[in-house]
Amino acid sequence: MQANRVEISPASEDLIAMPRPTVAQLTYGSCTVIFSTLAMLLLSQTSSGPGIAVIAIAALGLGLLVAMTVPVPRPSPAPPAQQAKPEAVPVPVPVPVSVAAAPEPVREPTAP
């Protein structure tokens, strides 16, 4: 007898993409696990195996919670399609008549 096998193609796995943890999530989660384990072990002064196991599981859960609550960077929204902007054309500024007609003083070096 041959069992009916259903093979899953690799293409179907690509449809469900699981995001990878960021460096911040790994760092915060790891530090939380280490420091919370040390703090709970020192505060409870537990030396039994089951007590240490409970503390370790609690620290792992706390580290997972912290890692999952770290904000994940979101991709920036795509900028809207830029329209062709017309080039700025310099506009001549009218000069007042009083300034245009005023004679400029001429300064020339004098001979010694």
Protein backbone atom coordinates (compact mmCIF):
# COMPACT_ATOMS: atom_id res chain seq x y z
CA MET A 1 0.00 0.00 0.00
CA GLN A 2 1.19 3.38 -0.88
CA ALA A 3 0.16 6.39 1.16
CA ASN A 4 -1.11 9.43 -0.62
CA ARG A 5 1.43 12.17 -0.16
CA VAL A 6 0.80 15.80 -0.69
CA GLU A 7 3.97 17.63 -1.53
CA ILE A 8 4.23 21.30 -0.85
CA SER A 9 6.05 23.17 -3.52
CA PRO A 10 8.65 25.75 -2.50
CA ALA A 11 6.70 28.42 -4.37
CA SER A 12 3.87 28.23 -1.83
CA GLU A 13 6.31 29.01 0.98
CA ASP A 14 7.27 32.24 -0.74
CA LEU A 15 3.70 33.50 -0.50
CA ILE A 16 3.84 33.72 3.28
CA ALA A 17 6.86 35.80 4.15
CA MET A 18 7.74 36.03 7.81
CA PRO A 19 9.58 39.24 8.69
CA ARG A 20 13.03 38.84 10.14
CA PRO A 21 13.75 40.37 13.54
CA THR A 22 15.64 43.64 13.52
CA VAL A 23 18.89 44.23 15.37
CA ALA A 24 17.05 46.32 17.95
CA GLN A 25 14.58 43.51 18.63
CA LEU A 26 17.37 40.96 19.09
CA THR A 27 19.37 43.29 21.32
CA TYR A 28 16.50 44.39 23.56
CA GLY A 29 15.13 40.86 23.85
CA SER A 30 18.53 39.34 24.71
CA CYS A 31 19.37 42.02 27.27
CA THR A 32 15.96 41.61 28.87
CA VAL A 33 16.40 37.85 29.19
CA ILE A 34 19.89 38.14 30.69
CA PHE A 35 19.18 40.95 33.14
CA SER A 36 15.77 39.72 34.24
CA THR A 37 17.15 36.21 34.84
CA LEU A 38 19.98 37.58 36.96
CA ALA A 39 17.65 39.89 38.89
CA MET A 40 15.07 37.16 39.59
CA LEU A 41 17.72 34.63 40.62
CA LEU A 42 19.39 37.12 42.96
CA LEU A 43 16.14 38.37 44.46
CA SER A 44 14.54 34.95 44.94
CA GLN A 45 17.76 33.20 46.05
CA THR A 46 16.47 30.01 44.44
CA SER A 47 18.85 27.09 44.19
CA SER A 48 16.46 24.30 43.25
CA GLY A 49 16.14 23.02 39.70
CA PRO A 50 12.41 23.65 39.28
CA GLY A 51 12.75 27.18 40.68
CA ILE A 52 15.53 28.02 38.23
CA ALA A 53 13.49 26.53 35.37
CA VAL A 54 10.47 28.69 36.26
CA ILE A 55 12.67 31.80 36.41
CA ALA A 56 14.31 30.94 33.07
CA ILE A 57 10.93 30.43 31.38
CA ALA A 58 9.61 33.67 32.84
CA ALA A 59 12.71 35.55 31.63
CA LEU A 60 12.35 34.09 28.14
CA GLY A 61 8.70 35.11 28.02
CA LEU A 62 9.56 38.61 29.19
CA GLY A 63 12.34 38.87 26.61
CA LEU A 64 9.97 37.74 23.87
CA LEU A 65 7.41 40.30 24.97
CA VAL A 66 9.98 43.10 24.93
CA ALA A 67 11.33 42.04 21.53
CA MET A 68 7.86 41.98 20.01
CA THR A 69 6.92 45.44 21.32
CA VAL A 70 9.98 47.19 19.87
CA PRO A 71 8.71 49.38 17.04
CA VAL A 72 9.55 47.96 13.64
CA PRO A 73 10.77 50.46 11.07
CA ARG A 74 8.21 50.96 8.35
CA PRO A 75 9.19 51.61 4.79
CA SER A 76 8.84 55.25 3.88
CA PRO A 77 5.88 56.03 1.67
CA ALA A 78 6.68 56.41 -2.00
CA PRO A 79 6.88 60.04 -3.03
CA PRO A 80 4.11 61.17 -5.35
CA ALA A 81 4.96 61.38 -9.02
CA GLN A 82 6.83 64.59 -9.51
CA GLN A 83 5.48 66.82 -12.19
CA ALA A 84 7.85 68.67 -14.45
CA LYS A 85 8.40 72.01 -12.77
CA PRO A 86 8.95 74.95 -15.07
CA GLU A 87 12.32 76.60 -14.66
CA ALA A 88 12.35 79.88 -12.83
CA VAL A 89 12.67 82.71 -15.31
CA PRO A 90 14.35 85.81 -13.89
CA VAL A 91 12.02 88.76 -13.99
CA PRO A 92 13.65 92.15 -14.50
CA VAL A 93 13.07 94.44 -11.56
CA PRO A 94 12.28 97.99 -12.54
CA VAL A 95 14.75 100.50 -11.16
CA PRO A 96 13.30 103.75 -9.82
CA VAL A 97 14.09 106.81 -11.94
CA SER A 98 15.70 108.65 -9.03
CA VAL A 99 18.27 105.90 -8.55
CA ALA A 100 18.98 105.44 -12.28
CA ALA A 101 19.52 109.18 -12.88
CA ALA A 102 21.69 109.79 -9.81
CA PRO A 103 25.31 110.37 -10.78
CA GLU A 104 27.80 108.00 -9.22
CA PRO A 105 30.76 109.55 -7.55
CA VAL A 106 34.00 108.67 -9.29
CA ARG A 107 36.96 107.98 -7.11
CA GLU A 108 40.35 107.98 -8.73
CA PRO A 109 43.65 107.81 -6.94
CA THR A 110 45.46 111.12 -6.93
CA ALA A 111 49.00 111.43 -8.16
CA PRO A 112 51.66 111.95 -5.44
